[in-house]
Amino acid sequence: MPDLQRLHLDHAPALLAFEQENRMFFAASVPDRGDDYFTNFDARLAALLAEQATGACHFHVLVDDLGVILGRFNLVDAANGSAELGYRVAEKATGRGLATATVRHLCTLAAEEYGLTTLR
């Protein structure tokens, strides 16, 4: 069963692979991140981790038994007990109920670990 993990620096290679492998899939439904995202991936990840350290955001990855990232699940703009929930799931992981199960788990985590009462 995949494991929801808080994003950390050790996820960098698998996260970059996830984004590269699914770039065209994601671009079909949301704006493409652009080449600059991939060129400056390490700096972008460092900025996300710094933002996470402030408590303003909580970034997570869904990881399979082999360490492959199947999805990203984020709580952003956390303040006053609320946050915005966003996620993206790898094309190969769609249609299996992973997003539904992970969002449910993240809702529990948001309340119990981060003290959030409202997710948008």
Protein backbone atom coordinates (compact mmCIF):
# COMPACT_ATOMS: atom_id res chain seq x y z
CA MET A 1 0.00 0.00 0.00
CA PRO A 2 1.40 3.44 -0.88
CA ASP A 3 2.58 5.63 1.97
CA LEU A 4 1.82 9.35 2.37
CA GLN A 5 5.03 11.06 3.48
CA ARG A 6 5.84 14.64 4.34
CA LEU A 7 8.02 16.08 1.58
CA HIS A 8 11.72 16.17 2.39
CA LEU A 9 14.96 16.66 0.49
CA ASP A 10 15.53 12.93 0.03
CA HIS A 11 12.46 12.84 -2.22
CA ALA A 12 14.17 15.10 -4.80
CA PRO A 13 15.21 12.48 -7.41
CA ALA A 14 11.89 10.62 -7.28
CA LEU A 15 9.91 13.87 -7.30
CA LEU A 16 11.76 15.17 -10.34
CA ALA A 17 11.16 11.85 -12.12
CA PHE A 18 7.45 12.04 -11.22
CA GLU A 19 7.14 15.55 -12.65
CA GLN A 20 9.08 14.72 -15.82
CA GLU A 21 7.24 11.45 -16.50
CA ASN A 22 3.84 13.06 -16.06
CA ARG A 23 4.48 16.47 -17.60
CA MET A 24 2.34 15.93 -20.69
CA PHE A 25 -0.40 14.21 -18.69
CA PHE A 26 -0.64 17.13 -16.25
CA ALA A 27 -0.42 19.73 -19.03
CA ALA A 28 -3.61 18.30 -20.53
CA SER A 29 -5.61 19.60 -17.56
CA VAL A 30 -3.55 22.33 -15.85
CA PRO A 31 -1.04 24.87 -17.17
CA ASP A 32 2.40 23.38 -17.85
CA ARG A 33 5.07 24.24 -15.30
CA GLY A 34 7.44 25.25 -18.10
CA ASP A 35 11.05 24.33 -18.78
CA ASP A 36 12.32 26.68 -16.07
CA TYR A 37 10.65 24.53 -13.40
CA PHE A 38 12.77 21.55 -14.43
CA THR A 39 15.96 23.53 -15.00
CA ASN A 40 15.74 25.08 -11.53
CA PHE A 41 14.12 22.11 -9.79
CA ASP A 42 16.58 21.95 -6.87
CA ALA A 43 16.14 25.63 -6.03
CA ARG A 44 12.37 25.31 -6.31
CA LEU A 45 12.34 22.31 -3.98
CA ALA A 46 14.55 24.15 -1.47
CA ALA A 47 12.10 27.06 -1.51
CA LEU A 48 9.16 24.73 -0.91
CA LEU A 49 10.91 23.07 2.01
CA ALA A 50 11.76 26.47 3.50
CA GLU A 51 8.11 27.49 3.17
CA GLN A 52 7.02 24.22 4.76
CA ALA A 53 9.35 24.89 7.71
CA THR A 54 7.37 28.07 8.47
CA GLY A 55 4.15 26.06 8.85
CA ALA A 56 2.43 28.00 6.06
CA CYS A 57 2.31 24.90 3.86
CA HIS A 58 2.40 21.15 4.29
CA PHE A 59 3.70 19.23 1.28
CA HIS A 60 3.34 15.47 0.92
CA VAL A 61 4.16 12.75 -1.57
CA LEU A 62 2.46 9.40 -2.03
CA VAL A 63 5.22 6.81 -2.36
CA ASP A 64 4.95 3.16 -3.41
CA ASP A 65 6.97 0.27 -1.96
CA LEU A 66 9.82 0.89 -4.43
CA GLY A 67 10.13 4.60 -3.60
CA VAL A 68 8.34 5.74 -6.75
CA ILE A 69 6.20 8.83 -6.23
CA LEU A 70 2.61 8.28 -7.30
CA GLY A 71 1.26 11.68 -6.32
CA ARG A 72 1.69 15.01 -4.60
CA PHE A 73 -0.79 16.17 -1.98
CA ASN A 74 -0.40 19.67 -0.58
CA LEU A 75 -1.99 21.90 2.01
CA VAL A 76 -1.10 25.49 1.19
CA ASP A 77 -1.80 28.90 2.68
CA ALA A 78 -2.39 27.37 6.10
CA ALA A 79 -3.59 30.06 8.48
CA ASN A 80 -6.32 30.52 11.07
CA GLY A 81 -7.21 26.83 11.00
CA SER A 82 -7.74 26.56 7.25
CA ALA A 83 -5.75 25.66 4.15
CA GLU A 84 -6.18 24.96 0.47
CA LEU A 85 -5.81 21.33 -0.58
CA GLY A 86 -4.33 20.50 -3.96
CA TYR A 87 -3.01 17.32 -5.51
CA ARG A 88 -1.80 15.65 -8.67
CA VAL A 89 -1.55 11.93 -9.29
CA ALA A 90 0.64 10.11 -11.81
CA GLU A 91 -1.11 8.93 -14.94
CA LYS A 92 -0.20 5.32 -14.16
CA ALA A 93 -1.83 5.62 -10.72
CA THR A 94 -5.20 6.98 -11.82
CA GLY A 95 -8.44 5.04 -11.66
CA ARG A 96 -7.43 3.00 -8.61
CA GLY A 97 -8.97 5.11 -5.85
CA LEU A 98 -5.58 6.32 -4.61
CA ALA A 99 -6.48 9.99 -4.78
CA THR A 100 -9.74 9.47 -2.91
CA ALA A 101 -8.11 7.39 -0.18
CA THR A 102 -5.16 9.77 0.14
CA VAL A 103 -7.34 12.88 0.37
CA ARG A 104 -9.35 11.21 3.12
CA HIS A 105 -6.14 10.37 4.97
CA LEU A 106 -4.83 13.91 4.46
CA CYS A 107 -8.04 15.36 5.90
CA THR A 108 -7.44 13.37 9.08
CA LEU A 109 -3.78 14.36 9.13
CA ALA A 110 -4.71 18.01 8.60
CA ALA A 111 -6.92 17.99 11.68
CA GLU A 112 -4.81 15.81 13.96
CA GLU A 113 -1.28 16.94 13.06
CA TYR A 114 -1.68 20.47 11.72
CA GLY A 115 -4.70 21.69 13.69
CA LEU A 116 -6.66 22.57 10.56
CA THR A 117 -10.45 22.62 10.69
CA THR A 118 -11.28 23.82 7.16
CA LEU A 119 -9.88 22.68 3.81
CA ARG A 120 -10.77 24.29 0.50
